[in-house]
Amino acid sequence: MREELEAEKKCIKLIQTGRTGSDETAPFKVMDFWAKTLVEFITEVLEERPHEWGFFKVKTIGGRVEYRDGELLNEIPDSWQYVEIESIDASGGWSRMDYLITPKRI
């Protein structure tokens, strides 16, 4: 049964939405993630992309959480605990990726 649930999970896809800059970074739209909330998305990134590093940021709420190699380097703010996701953009390249989450309006 667990294997069936794992098979149903989507895998994060990054779709490049702009040109690659001179620093070899580019903007991306994040697609095919299974998370519904911000905390779930952070967990998903840490599990699926364990060799990345960068920041998670949330539009309109503020703050940022740094991560590296599958681990958070600071705590998730309490104000992020139940934030539902509207969309996610990213920026980065190679192993660096910063995620900018747009929350759903309540």
N, C-alpha and C. Protein backbone atom coordinates (compact mmCIF):
# COMPACT_ATOMS: atom_id res chain seq x y z
N MET A 1 0.82 -1.20 0.00
CA MET A 1 0.00 0.00 0.00
C MET A 1 0.87 1.27 0.00
N ARG A 2 1.96 1.26 0.79
CA ARG A 2 2.84 2.42 0.85
C ARG A 2 3.45 2.72 -0.52
N GLU A 3 3.84 1.64 -1.25
CA GLU A 3 4.42 1.84 -2.58
C GLU A 3 3.43 2.52 -3.51
N GLU A 4 2.14 2.17 -3.39
CA GLU A 4 1.12 2.79 -4.24
C GLU A 4 1.01 4.28 -3.93
N LEU A 5 1.05 4.64 -2.66
CA LEU A 5 0.98 6.04 -2.28
C LEU A 5 2.20 6.80 -2.78
N GLU A 6 3.37 6.19 -2.66
CA GLU A 6 4.59 6.82 -3.14
C GLU A 6 4.54 7.03 -4.65
N ALA A 7 3.98 6.06 -5.37
CA ALA A 7 3.89 6.15 -6.83
C ALA A 7 2.97 7.27 -7.27
N GLU A 8 1.96 7.59 -6.44
CA GLU A 8 1.00 8.64 -6.78
C GLU A 8 1.57 10.04 -6.57
N LYS A 9 2.61 10.17 -5.77
CA LYS A 9 3.21 11.48 -5.52
C LYS A 9 3.76 12.06 -6.80
N LYS A 10 3.57 13.35 -6.96
CA LYS A 10 4.18 14.05 -8.08
C LYS A 10 5.59 14.43 -7.70
N CYS A 11 6.42 14.63 -8.68
CA CYS A 11 7.77 15.10 -8.44
C CYS A 11 7.88 16.55 -8.89
N ILE A 12 8.59 17.34 -8.12
CA ILE A 12 8.75 18.76 -8.43
C ILE A 12 9.41 18.91 -9.80
N LYS A 13 8.84 19.80 -10.63
CA LYS A 13 9.43 20.13 -11.92
C LYS A 13 9.67 21.63 -11.95
N LEU A 14 10.78 22.02 -12.51
CA LEU A 14 11.11 23.43 -12.68
C LEU A 14 11.08 23.75 -14.17
N ILE A 15 10.22 24.69 -14.55
CA ILE A 15 10.09 25.11 -15.95
C ILE A 15 10.73 26.49 -16.07
N GLN A 16 11.80 26.59 -16.86
CA GLN A 16 12.50 27.87 -17.02
C GLN A 16 11.60 28.87 -17.71
N THR A 17 11.48 30.08 -17.13
CA THR A 17 10.57 31.09 -17.66
C THR A 17 11.28 32.32 -18.21
N GLY A 18 12.58 32.34 -18.14
CA GLY A 18 13.34 33.48 -18.64
C GLY A 18 14.74 33.06 -19.01
N ARG A 19 15.50 34.04 -19.43
CA ARG A 19 16.86 33.77 -19.89
C ARG A 19 17.80 33.45 -18.74
N THR A 20 18.81 32.66 -19.04
CA THR A 20 19.87 32.39 -18.08
C THR A 20 20.79 33.60 -18.04
N GLY A 21 21.05 34.09 -16.84
CA GLY A 21 21.88 35.27 -16.67
C GLY A 21 23.36 34.97 -16.73
N SER A 22 24.16 36.02 -16.67
CA SER A 22 25.62 35.86 -16.72
C SER A 22 26.14 35.10 -15.51
N ASP A 23 25.37 35.05 -14.42
CA ASP A 23 25.77 34.29 -13.24
C ASP A 23 25.27 32.85 -13.29
N GLU A 24 24.74 32.46 -14.46
CA GLU A 24 24.24 31.09 -14.71
C GLU A 24 22.98 30.75 -13.92
N THR A 25 22.26 31.77 -13.43
CA THR A 25 20.97 31.51 -12.77
C THR A 25 19.86 31.91 -13.71
N ALA A 26 18.67 31.37 -13.47
CA ALA A 26 17.51 31.65 -14.31
C ALA A 26 16.25 31.61 -13.45
N PRO A 27 15.17 32.24 -13.94
CA PRO A 27 13.89 32.16 -13.25
C PRO A 27 13.13 30.89 -13.68
N PHE A 28 12.35 30.36 -12.77
CA PHE A 28 11.58 29.14 -13.03
C PHE A 28 10.18 29.25 -12.46
N LYS A 29 9.27 28.51 -13.03
CA LYS A 29 7.94 28.26 -12.46
C LYS A 29 8.02 26.86 -11.89
N VAL A 30 7.56 26.69 -10.65
CA VAL A 30 7.60 25.38 -10.00
C VAL A 30 6.27 24.67 -10.27
N MET A 31 6.35 23.46 -10.79
CA MET A 31 5.16 22.70 -11.18
C MET A 31 5.22 21.29 -10.58
N ASP A 32 4.09 20.63 -10.56
CA ASP A 32 3.96 19.21 -10.19
C ASP A 32 4.42 18.87 -8.79
N PHE A 33 4.29 19.80 -7.88
CA PHE A 33 4.56 19.48 -6.48
C PHE A 33 3.27 18.96 -5.85
N TRP A 34 3.37 18.10 -4.84
CA TRP A 34 2.18 17.53 -4.21
C TRP A 34 1.72 18.34 -3.01
N ALA A 35 2.55 19.20 -2.48
CA ALA A 35 2.24 19.95 -1.26
C ALA A 35 1.08 20.90 -1.46
N LYS A 36 0.28 21.03 -0.42
CA LYS A 36 -0.82 22.00 -0.40
C LYS A 36 -0.48 23.19 0.48
N THR A 37 0.39 22.98 1.48
CA THR A 37 0.77 24.05 2.39
C THR A 37 2.27 24.34 2.27
N LEU A 38 2.66 25.48 2.78
CA LEU A 38 4.05 25.90 2.73
C LEU A 38 4.97 24.92 3.45
N VAL A 39 4.58 24.48 4.64
CA VAL A 39 5.41 23.54 5.40
C VAL A 39 5.54 22.22 4.65
N GLU A 40 4.48 21.75 4.01
CA GLU A 40 4.56 20.52 3.21
C GLU A 40 5.53 20.72 2.03
N PHE A 41 5.49 21.90 1.40
CA PHE A 41 6.38 22.15 0.27
C PHE A 41 7.84 22.15 0.73
N ILE A 42 8.12 22.79 1.84
CA ILE A 42 9.49 22.80 2.36
C ILE A 42 9.96 21.37 2.60
N THR A 43 9.11 20.56 3.21
CA THR A 43 9.45 19.15 3.45
C THR A 43 9.70 18.43 2.14
N GLU A 44 8.86 18.69 1.15
CA GLU A 44 8.99 18.05 -0.16
C GLU A 44 10.34 18.40 -0.81
N VAL A 45 10.72 19.66 -0.77
CA VAL A 45 12.00 20.08 -1.35
C VAL A 45 13.16 19.41 -0.62
N LEU A 46 13.11 19.41 0.70
CA LEU A 46 14.21 18.82 1.47
C LEU A 46 14.37 17.33 1.17
N GLU A 47 13.25 16.64 0.92
CA GLU A 47 13.31 15.20 0.62
C GLU A 47 13.68 14.93 -0.83
N GLU A 48 13.08 15.65 -1.77
CA GLU A 48 13.28 15.37 -3.20
C GLU A 48 14.56 15.97 -3.78
N ARG A 49 15.04 17.05 -3.18
CA ARG A 49 16.17 17.78 -3.74
C ARG A 49 17.21 18.00 -2.64
N PRO A 50 17.74 16.90 -2.09
CA PRO A 50 18.58 16.99 -0.90
C PRO A 50 19.95 17.66 -1.09
N HIS A 51 20.34 17.92 -2.32
CA HIS A 51 21.65 18.53 -2.53
C HIS A 51 21.56 20.00 -2.91
N GLU A 52 20.36 20.57 -2.80
CA GLU A 52 20.17 21.99 -3.08
C GLU A 52 20.49 22.82 -1.84
N TRP A 53 20.62 24.12 -2.07
CA TRP A 53 20.74 25.09 -1.00
C TRP A 53 20.10 26.39 -1.46
N GLY A 54 19.65 27.20 -0.53
CA GLY A 54 19.03 28.47 -0.89
C GLY A 54 18.08 28.93 0.19
N PHE A 55 17.00 29.60 -0.25
CA PHE A 55 16.04 30.18 0.68
C PHE A 55 14.61 29.90 0.23
N PHE A 56 13.72 29.81 1.21
CA PHE A 56 12.28 29.83 0.98
C PHE A 56 11.80 31.21 1.44
N LYS A 57 11.00 31.88 0.61
CA LYS A 57 10.43 33.18 0.96
C LYS A 57 8.94 33.14 0.61
N VAL A 58 8.15 33.94 1.34
CA VAL A 58 6.71 33.98 1.10
C VAL A 58 6.29 35.42 0.82
N LYS A 59 5.65 35.63 -0.33
CA LYS A 59 5.13 36.96 -0.66
C LYS A 59 4.08 37.36 0.38
N THR A 60 4.05 38.60 0.72
CA THR A 60 3.09 39.23 1.62
C THR A 60 3.24 38.86 3.09
N ILE A 61 3.96 37.81 3.42
CA ILE A 61 4.12 37.44 4.82
C ILE A 61 5.48 37.85 5.34
N GLY A 62 6.49 37.75 4.50
CA GLY A 62 7.83 38.13 4.89
C GLY A 62 8.60 37.01 5.57
N GLY A 63 9.84 37.30 5.84
CA GLY A 63 10.73 36.32 6.43
C GLY A 63 11.32 35.41 5.37
N ARG A 64 12.31 34.66 5.79
CA ARG A 64 12.89 33.67 4.88
C ARG A 64 13.50 32.56 5.73
N VAL A 65 13.54 31.39 5.13
CA VAL A 65 14.13 30.22 5.79
C VAL A 65 15.23 29.70 4.87
N GLU A 66 16.40 29.54 5.42
CA GLU A 66 17.54 29.06 4.66
C GLU A 66 17.64 27.54 4.79
N TYR A 67 18.08 26.89 3.71
CA TYR A 67 18.27 25.44 3.74
C TYR A 67 19.54 25.06 2.99
N ARG A 68 20.05 23.90 3.33
CA ARG A 68 21.26 23.39 2.67
C ARG A 68 21.31 21.88 2.86
N ASP A 69 21.50 21.15 1.78
CA ASP A 69 21.71 19.70 1.82
C ASP A 69 20.63 18.96 2.63
N GLY A 70 19.36 19.30 2.38
CA GLY A 70 18.26 18.58 3.01
C GLY A 70 17.95 18.99 4.43
N GLU A 71 18.56 20.06 4.92
CA GLU A 71 18.35 20.51 6.30
C GLU A 71 18.01 22.00 6.33
N LEU A 72 17.12 22.37 7.24
CA LEU A 72 16.84 23.78 7.47
C LEU A 72 17.93 24.37 8.35
N LEU A 73 18.34 25.59 8.04
CA LEU A 73 19.38 26.25 8.83
C LEU A 73 18.79 27.21 9.86
N ASN A 74 17.51 27.51 9.75
CA ASN A 74 16.80 28.26 10.77
C ASN A 74 15.36 27.77 10.82
N GLU A 75 14.63 28.15 11.84
CA GLU A 75 13.29 27.61 12.05
C GLU A 75 12.25 28.27 11.15
N ILE A 76 11.22 27.51 10.85
CA ILE A 76 10.09 28.02 10.09
C ILE A 76 9.28 28.95 11.00
N PRO A 77 9.01 30.18 10.56
CA PRO A 77 8.22 31.10 11.39
C PRO A 77 6.83 30.54 11.69
N ASP A 78 6.31 30.84 12.86
CA ASP A 78 4.97 30.39 13.23
C ASP A 78 3.92 30.86 12.22
N SER A 79 4.11 32.05 11.66
CA SER A 79 3.13 32.60 10.71
C SER A 79 3.04 31.81 9.42
N TRP A 80 3.98 30.90 9.18
CA TRP A 80 4.00 30.08 7.96
C TRP A 80 3.29 28.75 8.15
N GLN A 81 2.95 28.37 9.35
CA GLN A 81 2.52 27.01 9.67
C GLN A 81 1.35 26.50 8.82
N TYR A 82 0.35 27.31 8.56
CA TYR A 82 -0.85 26.82 7.85
C TYR A 82 -1.10 27.56 6.55
N VAL A 83 -0.06 28.15 5.99
CA VAL A 83 -0.19 28.90 4.74
C VAL A 83 -0.41 27.93 3.58
N GLU A 84 -1.51 28.14 2.85
CA GLU A 84 -1.78 27.34 1.65
C GLU A 84 -1.14 28.00 0.44
N ILE A 85 -0.73 27.19 -0.52
CA ILE A 85 0.02 27.66 -1.68
C ILE A 85 -0.90 27.97 -2.85
N GLU A 86 -0.69 29.16 -3.44
CA GLU A 86 -1.34 29.54 -4.69
C GLU A 86 -0.43 29.16 -5.86
N SER A 87 0.84 29.59 -5.79
CA SER A 87 1.81 29.28 -6.84
C SER A 87 3.22 29.45 -6.27
N ILE A 88 4.20 28.93 -7.02
CA ILE A 88 5.59 29.01 -6.58
C ILE A 88 6.47 29.35 -7.77
N ASP A 89 7.33 30.34 -7.55
CA ASP A 89 8.36 30.70 -8.52
C ASP A 89 9.70 30.39 -7.87
N ALA A 90 10.71 30.23 -8.70
CA ALA A 90 12.05 29.93 -8.18
C ALA A 90 13.07 30.67 -9.02
N SER A 91 14.26 30.79 -8.46
CA SER A 91 15.36 31.40 -9.16
C SER A 91 16.63 30.72 -8.69
N GLY A 92 17.46 30.33 -9.66
CA GLY A 92 18.71 29.70 -9.28
C GLY A 92 19.35 28.98 -10.44
N GLY A 93 20.29 28.15 -10.09
CA GLY A 93 21.01 27.36 -11.08
C GLY A 93 21.97 26.44 -10.36
N TRP A 94 22.40 25.42 -11.05
CA TRP A 94 23.25 24.40 -10.48
C TRP A 94 22.59 23.87 -9.22
N SER A 95 23.21 24.02 -8.07
CA SER A 95 22.60 23.46 -6.86
C SER A 95 21.88 24.51 -6.02
N ARG A 96 21.98 25.78 -6.36
CA ARG A 96 21.30 26.84 -5.61
C ARG A 96 19.91 27.05 -6.17
N MET A 97 18.90 27.12 -5.28
CA MET A 97 17.56 27.43 -5.72
C MET A 97 16.83 28.16 -4.60
N ASP A 98 16.33 29.36 -4.93
CA ASP A 98 15.50 30.12 -4.01
C ASP A 98 14.05 29.97 -4.47
N TYR A 99 13.16 29.74 -3.53
CA TYR A 99 11.74 29.54 -3.83
C TYR A 99 10.94 30.71 -3.27
N LEU A 100 10.09 31.29 -4.11
CA LEU A 100 9.21 32.39 -3.70
C LEU A 100 7.77 31.91 -3.81
N ILE A 101 7.13 31.74 -2.66
CA ILE A 101 5.79 31.17 -2.61
C ILE A 101 4.76 32.28 -2.55
N THR A 102 3.74 32.19 -3.41
CA THR A 102 2.59 33.09 -3.35
C THR A 102 1.50 32.33 -2.59
N PRO A 103 1.07 32.86 -1.44
CA PRO A 103 0.03 32.17 -0.67
C PRO A 103 -1.35 32.41 -1.25
N LYS A 104 -2.27 31.49 -0.98
CA LYS A 104 -3.67 31.68 -1.35
C LYS A 104 -4.24 32.79 -0.49
N ARG A 105 -5.12 33.55 -1.07
CA ARG A 105 -5.83 34.58 -0.30
C ARG A 105 -6.91 33.92 0.52
N ILE A 106 -7.05 34.37 1.72
CA ILE A 106 -8.06 33.77 2.62
C ILE A 106 -9.32 34.60 2.59
